[in-house]
């Protein structure tokens, strides 16, 4: 399975219940073929880092129509209000980096 196929499967899984917060560990248990079943050490595992990277890359890719938001409650697909807040946050980070680059 390619990286894109794994990300698409994660995205499709989250689309099944878009309003529900889901912990990454629970997603890994639901999708063991994609993220393994290393439940004992999941918070520090390679599988968790791969899933976090997948979420970041889904948000960067224009192929996917919705944004995945993350918090201490877990992750979920953003509704329109949450997506707007996510975009404002991303723009703020970009301007902070731009300010730093200008200073350099």
C-alpha atoms as a PDB file:
ATOM      1  CA  UNK A   1       0.000   0.000   0.000  1.00  0.00           C
ATOM      2  CA  UNK A   2       1.325   3.418  -0.929  1.00  0.00           C
ATOM      3  CA  UNK A   3       1.449   6.369   1.444  1.00  0.00           C
ATOM      4  CA  UNK A   4      -1.363   8.071  -0.487  1.00  0.00           C
ATOM      5  CA  UNK A   5      -3.571   4.972  -0.243  1.00  0.00           C
ATOM      6  CA  UNK A   6      -2.959   4.809   3.517  1.00  0.00           C
ATOM      7  CA  UNK A   7      -3.869   8.483   3.893  1.00  0.00           C
ATOM      8  CA  UNK A   8      -6.979   8.020   1.762  1.00  0.00           C
ATOM      9  CA  UNK A   9      -8.054   5.072   3.937  1.00  0.00           C
ATOM     10  CA  UNK A  10      -7.573   7.173   7.090  1.00  0.00           C
ATOM     11  CA  UNK A  11      -9.540  10.032   5.536  1.00  0.00           C
ATOM     12  CA  UNK A  12     -12.366   7.696   4.482  1.00  0.00           C
ATOM     13  CA  UNK A  13     -12.456   6.179   7.982  1.00  0.00           C
ATOM     14  CA  UNK A  14     -12.834   9.629   9.547  1.00  0.00           C
ATOM     15  CA  UNK A  15     -15.536  10.549   7.009  1.00  0.00           C
ATOM     16  CA  UNK A  16     -17.710   7.727   8.373  1.00  0.00           C
ATOM     17  CA  UNK A  17     -18.231   9.680  11.608  1.00  0.00           C
ATOM     18  CA  UNK A  18     -17.168  13.266  10.891  1.00  0.00           C
ATOM     19  CA  UNK A  19     -18.543  14.808  14.099  1.00  0.00           C
ATOM     20  CA  UNK A  20     -16.927  12.342  16.478  1.00  0.00           C
ATOM     21  CA  UNK A  21     -13.550  12.942  18.153  1.00  0.00           C
ATOM     22  CA  UNK A  22     -11.358   9.848  17.858  1.00  0.00           C
ATOM     23  CA  UNK A  23      -8.116   9.089  19.632  1.00  0.00           C
ATOM     24  CA  UNK A  24      -5.257   8.042  17.382  1.00  0.00           C
ATOM     25  CA  UNK A  25      -4.851   4.836  19.366  1.00  0.00           C
ATOM     26  CA  UNK A  26      -8.484   3.900  18.672  1.00  0.00           C
ATOM     27  CA  UNK A  27      -8.032   4.635  14.971  1.00  0.00           C
ATOM     28  CA  UNK A  28      -4.959   2.384  14.913  1.00  0.00           C
ATOM     29  CA  UNK A  29      -6.993  -0.419  16.525  1.00  0.00           C
ATOM     30  CA  UNK A  30      -9.743   0.057  13.922  1.00  0.00           C
ATOM     31  CA  UNK A  31      -7.221   0.100  11.066  1.00  0.00           C
ATOM     32  CA  UNK A  32      -4.566  -2.437  12.149  1.00  0.00           C
ATOM     33  CA  UNK A  33      -3.466  -3.170   8.582  1.00  0.00           C
ATOM     34  CA  UNK A  34      -2.480   0.477   8.210  1.00  0.00           C
ATOM     35  CA  UNK A  35      -1.058   1.386  11.611  1.00  0.00           C
ATOM     36  CA  UNK A  36      -0.307  -1.884  13.358  1.00  0.00           C
ATOM     37  CA  UNK A  37      -1.509  -3.023  16.747  1.00  0.00           C
ATOM     38  CA  UNK A  38       1.320  -1.895  19.014  1.00  0.00           C
ATOM     39  CA  UNK A  39      -1.140  -0.743  21.701  1.00  0.00           C
ATOM     40  CA  UNK A  40       1.285  -1.141  24.591  1.00  0.00           C
ATOM     41  CA  UNK A  41       3.658   1.570  23.394  1.00  0.00           C
ATOM     42  CA  UNK A  42       1.350   3.439  21.005  1.00  0.00           C
ATOM     43  CA  UNK A  43       1.980   6.999  22.290  1.00  0.00           C
ATOM     44  CA  UNK A  44       5.698   6.603  21.554  1.00  0.00           C
ATOM     45  CA  UNK A  45       5.470   4.316  18.543  1.00  0.00           C
ATOM     46  CA  UNK A  46       6.436   4.692  14.919  1.00  0.00           C
ATOM     47  CA  UNK A  47       2.803   3.982  14.014  1.00  0.00           C
ATOM     48  CA  UNK A  48       1.594   7.047  15.936  1.00  0.00           C
ATOM     49  CA  UNK A  49       4.207   9.244  14.280  1.00  0.00           C
ATOM     50  CA  UNK A  50       3.163   7.905  10.862  1.00  0.00           C
ATOM     51  CA  UNK A  51      -0.496   8.678  11.607  1.00  0.00           C
ATOM     52  CA  UNK A  52       0.365  12.189  12.803  1.00  0.00           C
ATOM     53  CA  UNK A  53       2.359  12.726   9.611  1.00  0.00           C
ATOM     54  CA  UNK A  54      -0.560  11.378   7.550  1.00  0.00           C
ATOM     55  CA  UNK A  55      -2.930  13.865   9.195  1.00  0.00           C
ATOM     56  CA  UNK A  56      -0.533  16.732   8.478  1.00  0.00           C
ATOM     57  CA  UNK A  57      -0.102  15.675   4.858  1.00  0.00           C
ATOM     58  CA  UNK A  58      -3.850  15.246   4.336  1.00  0.00           C
ATOM     59  CA  UNK A  59      -4.291  18.834   5.500  1.00  0.00           C
ATOM     60  CA  UNK A  60      -1.608  20.011   3.064  1.00  0.00           C
ATOM     61  CA  UNK A  61      -2.953  18.059   0.067  1.00  0.00           C
ATOM     62  CA  UNK A  62      -5.550  19.656  -2.203  1.00  0.00           C
ATOM     63  CA  UNK A  63      -6.951  16.245  -3.191  1.00  0.00           C
ATOM     64  CA  UNK A  64      -8.765  15.940   0.136  1.00  0.00           C
ATOM     65  CA  UNK A  65     -11.780  18.200   0.495  1.00  0.00           C
ATOM     66  CA  UNK A  66     -11.963  18.396   4.300  1.00  0.00           C
ATOM     67  CA  UNK A  67      -9.467  19.307   7.019  1.00  0.00           C
ATOM     68  CA  UNK A  68      -8.580  17.058   9.950  1.00  0.00           C
ATOM     69  CA  UNK A  69      -8.263  18.915  13.232  1.00  0.00           C
ATOM     70  CA  UNK A  70      -6.449  17.544  16.266  1.00  0.00           C
ATOM     71  CA  UNK A  71      -6.591  18.307  19.957  1.00  0.00           C
ATOM     72  CA  UNK A  72      -6.149  16.502  23.240  1.00  0.00           C
ATOM     73  CA  UNK A  73      -9.595  14.980  22.628  1.00  0.00           C
ATOM     74  CA  UNK A  74      -8.342  13.278  19.476  1.00  0.00           C
ATOM     75  CA  UNK A  75      -8.885  14.118  15.838  1.00  0.00           C
ATOM     76  CA  UNK A  76     -11.870  14.546  13.551  1.00  0.00           C
ATOM     77  CA  UNK A  77     -12.932  16.145  10.318  1.00  0.00           C
ATOM     78  CA  UNK A  78     -13.550  19.842  10.783  1.00  0.00           C
ATOM     79  CA  UNK A  79     -16.955  21.377  10.234  1.00  0.00           C
ATOM     80  CA  UNK A  80     -17.069  24.787   8.518  1.00  0.00           C
ATOM     81  CA  UNK A  81     -16.549  26.778  11.731  1.00  0.00           C
ATOM     82  CA  UNK A  82     -13.652  24.593  12.839  1.00  0.00           C
ATOM     83  CA  UNK A  83     -12.099  24.717   9.356  1.00  0.00           C
ATOM     84  CA  UNK A  84     -12.260  28.521   9.407  1.00  0.00           C
ATOM     85  CA  UNK A  85     -10.559  28.597  12.803  1.00  0.00           C
ATOM     86  CA  UNK A  86      -7.923  26.142  11.524  1.00  0.00           C
ATOM     87  CA  UNK A  87      -7.220  28.404   8.532  1.00  0.00           C
ATOM     88  CA  UNK A  88      -6.837  31.478  10.764  1.00  0.00           C
ATOM     89  CA  UNK A  89      -4.416  29.549  12.973  1.00  0.00           C
ATOM     90  CA  UNK A  90      -2.387  28.368   9.978  1.00  0.00           C
ATOM     91  CA  UNK A  91      -2.263  31.905   8.561  1.00  0.00           C
ATOM     92  CA  UNK A  92      -1.046  33.207  11.911  1.00  0.00           C
ATOM     93  CA  UNK A  93       1.770  30.654  11.924  1.00  0.00           C
ATOM     94  CA  UNK A  94       2.738  31.617   8.378  1.00  0.00           C
ATOM     95  CA  UNK A  95       2.943  35.303   9.306  1.00  0.00           C
ATOM     96  CA  UNK A  96       5.083  34.483  12.352  1.00  0.00           C
ATOM     97  CA  UNK A  97       7.493  32.548  10.140  1.00  0.00           C
ATOM     98  CA  UNK A  98       7.501  35.322   7.547  1.00  0.00           C
ATOM     99  CA  UNK A  99       8.330  37.878  10.242  1.00  0.00           C
ATOM    100  CA  UNK A 100      11.246  35.690  11.355  1.00  0.00           C
ATOM    101  CA  UNK A 101      12.478  35.286   7.762  1.00  0.00           C
ATOM    102  CA  UNK A 102      12.381  39.036   7.228  1.00  0.00           C
ATOM    103  CA  UNK A 103      14.389  39.546  10.393  1.00  0.00           C
ATOM    104  CA  UNK A 104      17.008  37.083   9.187  1.00  0.00           C
END
